[in-house]
Amino acid sequence: RGFDHAALGRWVNDNTDDILYPLDAEHKASAAKQVPQPNDAASAKSAA
């Protein structure tokens, strides 16, 4: 809310940097530990 076009573009690009984390063992293991919200059976299945 309140972001102009440039600020919104930067925010999306920052998200992309987070999403495209290095696929090494450490980062993959850390990412795999995250649980979705709500952590019900169907959401957990999606995350898996």
All heavy atoms as atom14 arrays in JSON, in Angstrom:
{
  "sequence": "RGFDHAALGRWVNDNTDDILYPLDAEHKASAAKQVPQPNDAASAKSAA",
  "atom14_mask": [
    [1, 1, 1, 1, 1, 1, 1, 1, 1, 1, 1, 0, 0, 0],
    [1, 1, 1, 1, 0, 0, 0, 0, 0, 0, 0, 0, 0, 0],
    [1, 1, 1, 1, 1, 1, 1, 1, 1, 1, 1, 0, 0, 0],
    [1, 1, 1, 1, 1, 1, 1, 1, 0, 0, 0, 0, 0, 0],
    [1, 1, 1, 1, 1, 1, 1, 1, 1, 1, 0, 0, 0, 0],
    [1, 1, 1, 1, 1, 0, 0, 0, 0, 0, 0, 0, 0, 0],
    [1, 1, 1, 1, 1, 0, 0, 0, 0, 0, 0, 0, 0, 0],
    [1, 1, 1, 1, 1, 1, 1, 1, 0, 0, 0, 0, 0, 0],
    [1, 1, 1, 1, 0, 0, 0, 0, 0, 0, 0, 0, 0, 0],
    [1, 1, 1, 1, 1, 1, 1, 1, 1, 1, 1, 0, 0, 0],
    [1, 1, 1, 1, 1, 1, 1, 1, 1, 1, 1, 1, 1, 1],
    [1, 1, 1, 1, 1, 1, 1, 0, 0, 0, 0, 0, 0, 0],
    [1, 1, 1, 1, 1, 1, 1, 1, 0, 0, 0, 0, 0, 0],
    [1, 1, 1, 1, 1, 1, 1, 1, 0, 0, 0, 0, 0, 0],
    [1, 1, 1, 1, 1, 1, 1, 1, 0, 0, 0, 0, 0, 0],
    [1, 1, 1, 1, 1, 1, 1, 0, 0, 0, 0, 0, 0, 0],
    [1, 1, 1, 1, 1, 1, 1, 1, 0, 0, 0, 0, 0, 0],
    [1, 1, 1, 1, 1, 1, 1, 1, 0, 0, 0, 0, 0, 0],
    [1, 1, 1, 1, 1, 1, 1, 1, 0, 0, 0, 0, 0, 0],
    [1, 1, 1, 1, 1, 1, 1, 1, 0, 0, 0, 0, 0, 0],
    [1, 1, 1, 1, 1, 1, 1, 1, 1, 1, 1, 1, 0, 0],
    [1, 1, 1, 1, 1, 1, 1, 0, 0, 0, 0, 0, 0, 0],
    [1, 1, 1, 1, 1, 1, 1, 1, 0, 0, 0, 0, 0, 0],
    [1, 1, 1, 1, 1, 1, 1, 1, 0, 0, 0, 0, 0, 0],
    [1, 1, 1, 1, 1, 0, 0, 0, 0, 0, 0, 0, 0, 0],
    [1, 1, 1, 1, 1, 1, 1, 1, 1, 0, 0, 0, 0, 0],
    [1, 1, 1, 1, 1, 1, 1, 1, 1, 1, 0, 0, 0, 0],
    [1, 1, 1, 1, 1, 1, 1, 1, 1, 0, 0, 0, 0, 0],
    [1, 1, 1, 1, 1, 0, 0, 0, 0, 0, 0, 0, 0, 0],
    [1, 1, 1, 1, 1, 1, 0, 0, 0, 0, 0, 0, 0, 0],
    [1, 1, 1, 1, 1, 0, 0, 0, 0, 0, 0, 0, 0, 0],
    [1, 1, 1, 1, 1, 0, 0, 0, 0, 0, 0, 0, 0, 0],
    [1, 1, 1, 1, 1, 1, 1, 1, 1, 0, 0, 0, 0, 0],
    [1, 1, 1, 1, 1, 1, 1, 1, 1, 0, 0, 0, 0, 0],
    [1, 1, 1, 1, 1, 1, 1, 0, 0, 0, 0, 0, 0, 0],
    [1, 1, 1, 1, 1, 1, 1, 0, 0, 0, 0, 0, 0, 0],
    [1, 1, 1, 1, 1, 1, 1, 1, 1, 0, 0, 0, 0, 0],
    [1, 1, 1, 1, 1, 1, 1, 0, 0, 0, 0, 0, 0, 0],
    [1, 1, 1, 1, 1, 1, 1, 1, 0, 0, 0, 0, 0, 0],
    [1, 1, 1, 1, 1, 1, 1, 1, 0, 0, 0, 0, 0, 0],
    [1, 1, 1, 1, 1, 0, 0, 0, 0, 0, 0, 0, 0, 0],
    [1, 1, 1, 1, 1, 0, 0, 0, 0, 0, 0, 0, 0, 0],
    [1, 1, 1, 1, 1, 1, 0, 0, 0, 0, 0, 0, 0, 0],
    [1, 1, 1, 1, 1, 0, 0, 0, 0, 0, 0, 0, 0, 0],
    [1, 1, 1, 1, 1, 1, 1, 1, 1, 0, 0, 0, 0, 0],
    [1, 1, 1, 1, 1, 1, 0, 0, 0, 0, 0, 0, 0, 0],
    [1, 1, 1, 1, 1, 0, 0, 0, 0, 0, 0, 0, 0, 0],
    [1, 1, 1, 1, 1, 0, 0, 0, 0, 0, 0, 0, 0, 0]
  ],
  "atom14_positions": [
    [[0.84, -1.2, 0.0], [0.0, 0.0, 0.0], [0.88, 1.25, 0.0], [1.77, 1.42, 0.82], [-0.93, 0.01, 1.2], [-1.95, 1.16, 1.19], [-2.91, 1.07, 2.36], [-3.75, -0.11, 2.26], [-3.78, -1.1, 3.14], [-2.99, -1.05, 4.22], [-4.57, -2.13, 2.97], [0.0, 0.0, 0.0], [0.0, 0.0, 0.0], [0.0, 0.0, 0.0]],
    [[0.65, 2.13, -0.95], [1.41, 3.37, -1.03], [2.66, 3.28, -1.89], [3.32, 4.3, -2.13], [0.0, 0.0, 0.0], [0.0, 0.0, 0.0], [0.0, 0.0, 0.0], [0.0, 0.0, 0.0], [0.0, 0.0, 0.0], [0.0, 0.0, 0.0], [0.0, 0.0, 0.0], [0.0, 0.0, 0.0], [0.0, 0.0, 0.0], [0.0, 0.0, 0.0]],
    [[3.02, 2.09, -2.38], [4.19, 1.95, -3.24], [3.92, 2.58, -4.59], [2.86, 2.38, -5.18], [4.53, 0.47, -3.46], [5.23, -0.2, -2.31], [5.35, 0.42, -1.08], [5.77, -1.47, -2.46], [6.0, -0.21, -0.02], [6.4, -2.11, -1.42], [6.52, -1.47, -0.2], [0.0, 0.0, 0.0], [0.0, 0.0, 0.0], [0.0, 0.0, 0.0]],
    [[4.9, 3.34, -5.11], [4.79, 3.8, -6.49], [5.32, 2.69, -7.4], [5.74, 1.62, -6.93], [5.52, 5.12, -6.71], [7.01, 5.04, -6.43], [7.56, 3.91, -6.31], [7.64, 6.1, -6.32], [0.0, 0.0, 0.0], [0.0, 0.0, 0.0], [0.0, 0.0, 0.0], [0.0, 0.0, 0.0], [0.0, 0.0, 0.0], [0.0, 0.0, 0.0]],
    [[5.31, 2.95, -8.71], [5.69, 1.91, -9.67], [7.11, 1.41, -9.42], [7.36, 0.2, -9.43], [5.56, 2.46, -11.09], [5.87, 1.44, -12.15], [4.94, 0.53, -12.61], [7.03, 1.19, -12.83], [5.5, -0.24, -13.53], [6.76, 0.13, -13.69], [0.0, 0.0, 0.0], [0.0, 0.0, 0.0], [0.0, 0.0, 0.0], [0.0, 0.0, 0.0]],
    [[8.03, 2.33, -9.2], [9.43, 1.95, -9.01], [9.61, 1.13, -7.73], [10.32, 0.11, -7.73], [10.31, 3.19, -8.97], [0.0, 0.0, 0.0], [0.0, 0.0, 0.0], [0.0, 0.0, 0.0], [0.0, 0.0, 0.0], [0.0, 0.0, 0.0], [0.0, 0.0, 0.0], [0.0, 0.0, 0.0], [0.0, 0.0, 0.0], [0.0, 0.0, 0.0]],
    [[8.97, 1.56, -6.65], [9.1, 0.85, -5.38], [8.5, -0.54, -5.47], [9.04, -1.51, -4.92], [8.43, 1.64, -4.25], [0.0, 0.0, 0.0], [0.0, 0.0, 0.0], [0.0, 0.0, 0.0], [0.0, 0.0, 0.0], [0.0, 0.0, 0.0], [0.0, 0.0, 0.0], [0.0, 0.0, 0.0], [0.0, 0.0, 0.0], [0.0, 0.0, 0.0]],
    [[7.37, -0.65, -6.17], [6.73, -1.95, -6.33], [7.61, -2.88, -7.14], [7.75, -4.07, -6.81], [5.37, -1.77, -7.01], [4.51, -3.03, -7.14], [4.26, -3.66, -5.77], [3.19, -2.7, -7.82], [0.0, 0.0, 0.0], [0.0, 0.0, 0.0], [0.0, 0.0, 0.0], [0.0, 0.0, 0.0], [0.0, 0.0, 0.0], [0.0, 0.0, 0.0]],
    [[8.23, -2.35, -8.19], [9.12, -3.17, -9.0], [10.3, -3.69, -8.19], [10.68, -4.85, -8.32], [0.0, 0.0, 0.0], [0.0, 0.0, 0.0], [0.0, 0.0, 0.0], [0.0, 0.0, 0.0], [0.0, 0.0, 0.0], [0.0, 0.0, 0.0], [0.0, 0.0, 0.0], [0.0, 0.0, 0.0], [0.0, 0.0, 0.0], [0.0, 0.0, 0.0]],
    [[10.86, -2.83, -7.34], [11.98, -3.26, -6.5], [11.54, -4.34, -5.52], [12.28, -5.29, -5.26], [12.57, -2.05, -5.74], [13.35, -1.09, -6.63], [14.14, -0.09, -5.78], [13.26, 0.77, -4.99], [12.79, 1.94, -5.4], [13.06, 2.39, -6.62], [12.02, 2.67, -4.61], [0.0, 0.0, 0.0], [0.0, 0.0, 0.0], [0.0, 0.0, 0.0]],
    [[10.35, -4.18, -4.96], [9.85, -5.15, -3.99], [9.66, -6.52, -4.66], [10.04, -7.55, -4.09], [8.53, -4.65, -3.41], [7.94, -5.53, -2.36], [8.29, -5.6, -1.04], [6.87, -6.49, -2.53], [7.51, -6.52, -0.38], [6.64, -7.08, -1.27], [6.1, -6.87, -3.62], [5.67, -8.07, -1.08], [5.13, -7.84, -3.44], [4.92, -8.43, -2.18]],
    [[9.11, -6.52, -5.85], [8.93, -7.78, -6.58], [10.28, -8.4, -6.91], [10.48, -9.62, -6.78], [8.1, -7.57, -7.86], [8.05, -8.85, -8.7], [6.68, -7.12, -7.52], [0.0, 0.0, 0.0], [0.0, 0.0, 0.0], [0.0, 0.0, 0.0], [0.0, 0.0, 0.0], [0.0, 0.0, 0.0], [0.0, 0.0, 0.0], [0.0, 0.0, 0.0]],
    [[11.24, -7.58, -7.32], [12.57, -8.11, -7.63], [13.25, -8.69, -6.39], [13.95, -9.71, -6.48], [13.44, -7.0, -8.23], [13.04, -6.65, -9.64], [12.45, -7.47, -10.35], [13.35, -5.44, -10.06], [0.0, 0.0, 0.0], [0.0, 0.0, 0.0], [0.0, 0.0, 0.0], [0.0, 0.0, 0.0], [0.0, 0.0, 0.0], [0.0, 0.0, 0.0]],
    [[13.03, -8.07, -5.23], [13.58, -8.62, -3.98], [12.96, -9.98, -3.67], [13.64, -10.9, -3.2], [13.34, -7.65, -2.82], [14.23, -6.42, -2.87], [15.23, -6.45, -3.61], [13.91, -5.43, -2.18], [0.0, 0.0, 0.0], [0.0, 0.0, 0.0], [0.0, 0.0, 0.0], [0.0, 0.0, 0.0], [0.0, 0.0, 0.0], [0.0, 0.0, 0.0]],
    [[11.66, -10.09, -3.92], [10.99, -11.38, -3.73], [11.6, -12.44, -4.63], [11.81, -13.58, -4.23], [9.49, -11.26, -4.03], [8.71, -10.67, -2.88], [9.13, -10.73, -1.73], [7.56, -10.08, -3.18], [0.0, 0.0, 0.0], [0.0, 0.0, 0.0], [0.0, 0.0, 0.0], [0.0, 0.0, 0.0], [0.0, 0.0, 0.0], [0.0, 0.0, 0.0]],
    [[11.87, -12.05, -5.87], [12.46, -12.98, -6.83], [13.83, -13.45, -6.36], [14.18, -14.63, -6.49], [12.57, -12.33, -8.21], [11.27, -11.92, -8.65], [13.15, -13.3, -9.24], [0.0, 0.0, 0.0], [0.0, 0.0, 0.0], [0.0, 0.0, 0.0], [0.0, 0.0, 0.0], [0.0, 0.0, 0.0], [0.0, 0.0, 0.0], [0.0, 0.0, 0.0]],
    [[14.62, -12.54, -5.81], [15.93, -12.92, -5.27], [15.78, -13.96, -4.16], [16.57, -14.91, -4.07], [16.66, -11.69, -4.72], [17.16, -10.77, -5.83], [17.25, -11.21, -6.98], [17.45, -9.6, -5.52], [0.0, 0.0, 0.0], [0.0, 0.0, 0.0], [0.0, 0.0, 0.0], [0.0, 0.0, 0.0], [0.0, 0.0, 0.0], [0.0, 0.0, 0.0]],
    [[14.78, -13.79, -3.3], [14.54, -14.76, -2.23], [14.11, -16.11, -2.81], [14.57, -17.17, -2.36], [13.45, -14.25, -1.28], [13.92, -13.08, -0.44], [15.15, -12.9, -0.29], [13.05, -12.33, 0.06], [0.0, 0.0, 0.0], [0.0, 0.0, 0.0], [0.0, 0.0, 0.0], [0.0, 0.0, 0.0], [0.0, 0.0, 0.0], [0.0, 0.0, 0.0]],
    [[13.22, -16.07, -3.79], [12.69, -17.29, -4.39], [13.8, -18.09, -5.07], [13.86, -19.32, -4.95], [11.6, -16.93, -5.42], [10.36, -16.4, -4.71], [11.24, -18.13, -6.29], [9.37, -15.72, -5.63], [0.0, 0.0, 0.0], [0.0, 0.0, 0.0], [0.0, 0.0, 0.0], [0.0, 0.0, 0.0], [0.0, 0.0, 0.0], [0.0, 0.0, 0.0]],
    [[14.68, -17.41, -5.76], [15.74, -18.09, -6.51], [16.99, -18.27, -5.65], [18.09, -17.95, -6.05], [16.06, -17.31, -7.78], [14.89, -17.18, -8.77], [15.3, -16.39, -9.99], [14.37, -18.55, -9.17], [0.0, 0.0, 0.0], [0.0, 0.0, 0.0], [0.0, 0.0, 0.0], [0.0, 0.0, 0.0], [0.0, 0.0, 0.0], [0.0, 0.0, 0.0]],
    [[16.78, -18.83, -4.47], [17.91, -19.08, -3.58], [18.83, -20.14, -4.19], [18.39, -20.96, -5.0], [17.42, -19.53, -2.2], [16.65, -20.83, -2.19], [17.32, -22.06, -2.11], [15.25, -20.85, -2.24], [16.64, -23.26, -2.09], [14.55, -22.04, -2.22], [15.25, -23.25, -2.15], [14.56, -24.43, -2.14], [0.0, 0.0, 0.0], [0.0, 0.0, 0.0]],
    [[20.11, -20.12, -3.84], [21.04, -21.11, -4.4], [20.61, -22.53, -4.03], [20.25, -22.8, -2.88], [22.38, -20.75, -3.74], [22.23, -19.32, -3.34], [20.79, -19.15, -2.96], [0.0, 0.0, 0.0], [0.0, 0.0, 0.0], [0.0, 0.0, 0.0], [0.0, 0.0, 0.0], [0.0, 0.0, 0.0], [0.0, 0.0, 0.0], [0.0, 0.0, 0.0]],
    [[20.68, -23.42, -4.99], [20.23, -24.79, -4.75], [21.36, -25.68, -4.24], [21.61, -26.77, -4.75], [19.63, -25.37, -6.04], [18.3, -24.74, -6.47], [17.84, -25.34, -7.79], [17.22, -24.94, -5.4], [0.0, 0.0, 0.0], [0.0, 0.0, 0.0], [0.0, 0.0, 0.0], [0.0, 0.0, 0.0], [0.0, 0.0, 0.0], [0.0, 0.0, 0.0]],
    [[22.03, -25.2, -3.19], [23.02, -26.04, -2.53], [22.34, -26.77, -1.37], [21.2, -26.49, -1.01], [24.21, -25.22, -2.05], [23.81, -24.05, -1.16], [23.06, -24.28, -0.18], [24.21, -22.91, -1.43], [0.0, 0.0, 0.0], [0.0, 0.0, 0.0], [0.0, 0.0, 0.0], [0.0, 0.0, 0.0], [0.0, 0.0, 0.0], [0.0, 0.0, 0.0]],
    [[23.05, -27.72, -0.78], [22.46, -28.56, 0.26], [21.96, -27.76, 1.45], [20.88, -28.03, 1.98], [23.49, -29.61, 0.71], [0.0, 0.0, 0.0], [0.0, 0.0, 0.0], [0.0, 0.0, 0.0], [0.0, 0.0, 0.0], [0.0, 0.0, 0.0], [0.0, 0.0, 0.0], [0.0, 0.0, 0.0], [0.0, 0.0, 0.0], [0.0, 0.0, 0.0]],
    [[22.74, -26.77, 1.86], [22.36, -25.99, 3.04], [21.05, -25.23, 2.81], [20.15, -25.27, 3.65], [23.48, -25.0, 3.38], [23.16, -24.1, 4.58], [24.23, -23.06, 4.84], [25.26, -23.07, 4.14], [24.02, -22.22, 5.74], [0.0, 0.0, 0.0], [0.0, 0.0, 0.0], [0.0, 0.0, 0.0], [0.0, 0.0, 0.0], [0.0, 0.0, 0.0]],
    [[20.97, -24.52, 1.7], [19.77, -23.73, 1.44], [18.55, -24.61, 1.18], [17.44, -24.3, 1.61], [20.02, -22.79, 0.26], [20.89, -21.63, 0.58], [22.27, -21.7, 0.52], [20.59, -20.37, 0.97], [22.77, -20.53, 0.87], [21.79, -19.71, 1.16], [0.0, 0.0, 0.0], [0.0, 0.0, 0.0], [0.0, 0.0, 0.0], [0.0, 0.0, 0.0]],
    [[18.76, -25.71, 0.47], [17.64, -26.61, 0.19], [17.11, -27.23, 1.48], [15.89, -27.36, 1.66], [18.07, -27.68, -0.8], [18.26, -27.16, -2.22], [18.83, -28.22, -3.14], [17.86, -29.34, -3.39], [18.39, -30.31, -4.4], [0.0, 0.0, 0.0], [0.0, 0.0, 0.0], [0.0, 0.0, 0.0], [0.0, 0.0, 0.0], [0.0, 0.0, 0.0]],
    [[18.0, -27.6, 2.39], [17.57, -28.19, 3.66], [16.8, -27.17, 4.49], [15.78, -27.5, 5.11], [18.79, -28.7, 4.43], [0.0, 0.0, 0.0], [0.0, 0.0, 0.0], [0.0, 0.0, 0.0], [0.0, 0.0, 0.0], [0.0, 0.0, 0.0], [0.0, 0.0, 0.0], [0.0, 0.0, 0.0], [0.0, 0.0, 0.0], [0.0, 0.0, 0.0]],
    [[17.28, -25.92, 4.5], [16.61, -24.88, 5.26], [15.23, -24.6, 4.69], [14.25, -24.45, 5.43], [17.46, -23.6, 5.25], [16.84, -22.58, 5.99], [0.0, 0.0, 0.0], [0.0, 0.0, 0.0], [0.0, 0.0, 0.0], [0.0, 0.0, 0.0], [0.0, 0.0, 0.0], [0.0, 0.0, 0.0], [0.0, 0.0, 0.0], [0.0, 0.0, 0.0]],
    [[15.14, -24.54, 3.36], [13.85, -24.26, 2.72], [12.86, -25.39, 2.97], [11.66, -25.14, 3.18], [14.05, -24.05, 1.22], [0.0, 0.0, 0.0], [0.0, 0.0, 0.0], [0.0, 0.0, 0.0], [0.0, 0.0, 0.0], [0.0, 0.0, 0.0], [0.0, 0.0, 0.0], [0.0, 0.0, 0.0], [0.0, 0.0, 0.0], [0.0, 0.0, 0.0]],
    [[13.34, -26.62, 2.95], [12.46, -27.77, 3.12], [11.84, -27.84, 4.51], [10.82, -28.49, 4.72], [13.22, -29.06, 2.82], [0.0, 0.0, 0.0], [0.0, 0.0, 0.0], [0.0, 0.0, 0.0], [0.0, 0.0, 0.0], [0.0, 0.0, 0.0], [0.0, 0.0, 0.0], [0.0, 0.0, 0.0], [0.0, 0.0, 0.0], [0.0, 0.0, 0.0]],
    [[12.44, -27.15, 5.49], [11.92, -27.17, 6.86], [10.72, -26.27, 7.05], [10.0, -26.39, 8.05], [13.03, -26.76, 7.84], [14.17, -27.76, 7.96], [15.23, -27.23, 8.92], [16.4, -28.2, 9.04], [17.46, -27.67, 9.94], [0.0, 0.0, 0.0], [0.0, 0.0, 0.0], [0.0, 0.0, 0.0], [0.0, 0.0, 0.0], [0.0, 0.0, 0.0]],
    [[10.5, -25.35, 6.14], [9.38, -24.42, 6.3], [8.06, -25.17, 6.23], [7.9, -26.14, 5.48], [9.42, -23.34, 5.21], [10.43, -22.26, 5.47], [10.17, -21.03, 4.59], [9.37, -21.06, 3.67], [10.84, -19.94, 4.91], [0.0, 0.0, 0.0], [0.0, 0.0, 0.0], [0.0, 0.0, 0.0], [0.0, 0.0, 0.0], [0.0, 0.0, 0.0]],
    [[7.11, -24.71, 7.01], [5.77, -25.29, 6.99], [4.79, -24.22, 6.53], [4.97, -23.03, 6.8], [5.36, -25.83, 8.37], [6.26, -26.98, 8.78], [5.39, -24.73, 9.42], [0.0, 0.0, 0.0], [0.0, 0.0, 0.0], [0.0, 0.0, 0.0], [0.0, 0.0, 0.0], [0.0, 0.0, 0.0], [0.0, 0.0, 0.0], [0.0, 0.0, 0.0]],
    [[3.75, -24.62, 5.81], [2.77, -23.65, 5.32], [1.8, -23.25, 6.41], [1.75, -23.87, 7.47], [2.04, -24.44, 4.22], [2.09, -25.86, 4.71], [3.43, -25.99, 5.39], [0.0, 0.0, 0.0], [0.0, 0.0, 0.0], [0.0, 0.0, 0.0], [0.0, 0.0, 0.0], [0.0, 0.0, 0.0], [0.0, 0.0, 0.0], [0.0, 0.0, 0.0]],
    [[1.03, -22.22, 6.16], [0.0, -21.78, 7.09], [-1.33, -21.67, 6.36], [-1.38, -21.02, 5.32], [0.38, -20.43, 7.7], [1.66, -20.43, 8.48], [1.62, -21.35, 9.71], [0.54, -21.65, 10.22], [2.77, -21.79, 10.16], [0.0, 0.0, 0.0], [0.0, 0.0, 0.0], [0.0, 0.0, 0.0], [0.0, 0.0, 0.0], [0.0, 0.0, 0.0]],
    [[-2.37, -22.3, 6.86], [-2.39, -23.22, 8.01], [-1.71, -24.54, 7.66], [-1.75, -24.96, 6.5], [-3.88, -23.43, 8.27], [-4.51, -23.25, 6.93], [-3.7, -22.18, 6.23], [0.0, 0.0, 0.0], [0.0, 0.0, 0.0], [0.0, 0.0, 0.0], [0.0, 0.0, 0.0], [0.0, 0.0, 0.0], [0.0, 0.0, 0.0], [0.0, 0.0, 0.0]],
    [[-1.13, -25.18, 8.64], [-0.38, -26.4, 8.38], [-1.27, -27.63, 8.51], [-1.0, -28.54, 9.28], [0.81, -26.5, 9.34], [1.78, -27.61, 8.96], [1.82, -28.03, 7.82], [2.55, -28.08, 9.93], [0.0, 0.0, 0.0], [0.0, 0.0, 0.0], [0.0, 0.0, 0.0], [0.0, 0.0, 0.0], [0.0, 0.0, 0.0], [0.0, 0.0, 0.0]],
    [[-2.35, -27.63, 7.72], [-3.23, -28.8, 7.71], [-2.67, -29.83, 6.73], [-1.66, -29.6, 6.07], [-4.66, -28.41, 7.35], [-4.77, -27.75, 5.99], [-3.77, -27.74, 5.24], [-5.85, -27.23, 5.66], [0.0, 0.0, 0.0], [0.0, 0.0, 0.0], [0.0, 0.0, 0.0], [0.0, 0.0, 0.0], [0.0, 0.0, 0.0], [0.0, 0.0, 0.0]],
    [[-3.33, -30.97, 6.64], [-2.81, -32.07, 5.82], [-2.7, -31.68, 4.35], [-1.7, -31.99, 3.69], [-3.71, -33.29, 5.98], [0.0, 0.0, 0.0], [0.0, 0.0, 0.0], [0.0, 0.0, 0.0], [0.0, 0.0, 0.0], [0.0, 0.0, 0.0], [0.0, 0.0, 0.0], [0.0, 0.0, 0.0], [0.0, 0.0, 0.0], [0.0, 0.0, 0.0]],
    [[-3.72, -30.98, 3.82], [-3.7, -30.62, 2.41], [-2.61, -29.6, 2.1], [-1.92, -29.69, 1.09], [-5.07, -30.08, 2.0], [0.0, 0.0, 0.0], [0.0, 0.0, 0.0], [0.0, 0.0, 0.0], [0.0, 0.0, 0.0], [0.0, 0.0, 0.0], [0.0, 0.0, 0.0], [0.0, 0.0, 0.0], [0.0, 0.0, 0.0], [0.0, 0.0, 0.0]],
    [[-2.45, -28.6, 2.98], [-1.41, -27.59, 2.77], [-0.03, -28.19, 2.9], [0.89, -27.84, 2.15], [-1.59, -26.45, 3.77], [-2.84, -25.81, 3.62], [0.0, 0.0, 0.0], [0.0, 0.0, 0.0], [0.0, 0.0, 0.0], [0.0, 0.0, 0.0], [0.0, 0.0, 0.0], [0.0, 0.0, 0.0], [0.0, 0.0, 0.0], [0.0, 0.0, 0.0]],
    [[0.13, -29.11, 3.86], [1.42, -29.79, 4.03], [1.74, -30.62, 2.8], [2.9, -30.7, 2.36], [1.39, -30.68, 5.27], [0.0, 0.0, 0.0], [0.0, 0.0, 0.0], [0.0, 0.0, 0.0], [0.0, 0.0, 0.0], [0.0, 0.0, 0.0], [0.0, 0.0, 0.0], [0.0, 0.0, 0.0], [0.0, 0.0, 0.0], [0.0, 0.0, 0.0]],
    [[0.71, -31.21, 2.2], [0.91, -32.0, 0.98], [1.36, -31.1, -0.16], [2.23, -31.46, -0.95], [-0.38, -32.72, 0.61], [-0.26, -33.68, -0.56], [-1.56, -34.43, -0.8], [-1.41, -35.43, -1.93], [-2.67, -36.18, -2.18], [0.0, 0.0, 0.0], [0.0, 0.0, 0.0], [0.0, 0.0, 0.0], [0.0, 0.0, 0.0], [0.0, 0.0, 0.0]],
    [[0.79, -29.9, -0.23], [1.19, -28.94, -1.25], [2.65, -28.53, -1.07], [3.42, -28.47, -2.02], [0.29, -27.7, -1.18], [0.77, -26.66, -2.01], [0.0, 0.0, 0.0], [0.0, 0.0, 0.0], [0.0, 0.0, 0.0], [0.0, 0.0, 0.0], [0.0, 0.0, 0.0], [0.0, 0.0, 0.0], [0.0, 0.0, 0.0], [0.0, 0.0, 0.0]],
    [[3.04, -28.24, 0.17], [4.41, -27.84, 0.46], [5.39, -28.97, 0.12], [6.47, -28.72, -0.44], [4.54, -27.44, 1.92], [0.0, 0.0, 0.0], [0.0, 0.0, 0.0], [0.0, 0.0, 0.0], [0.0, 0.0, 0.0], [0.0, 0.0, 0.0], [0.0, 0.0, 0.0], [0.0, 0.0, 0.0], [0.0, 0.0, 0.0], [0.0, 0.0, 0.0]],
    [[5.01, -30.2, 0.46], [5.87, -31.34, 0.17], [6.02, -31.54, -1.34], [7.11, -31.86, -1.84], [5.31, -32.6, 0.82], [0.0, 0.0, 0.0], [0.0, 0.0, 0.0], [0.0, 0.0, 0.0], [0.0, 0.0, 0.0], [0.0, 0.0, 0.0], [0.0, 0.0, 0.0], [0.0, 0.0, 0.0], [0.0, 0.0, 0.0], [0.0, 0.0, 0.0]]
  ]
}
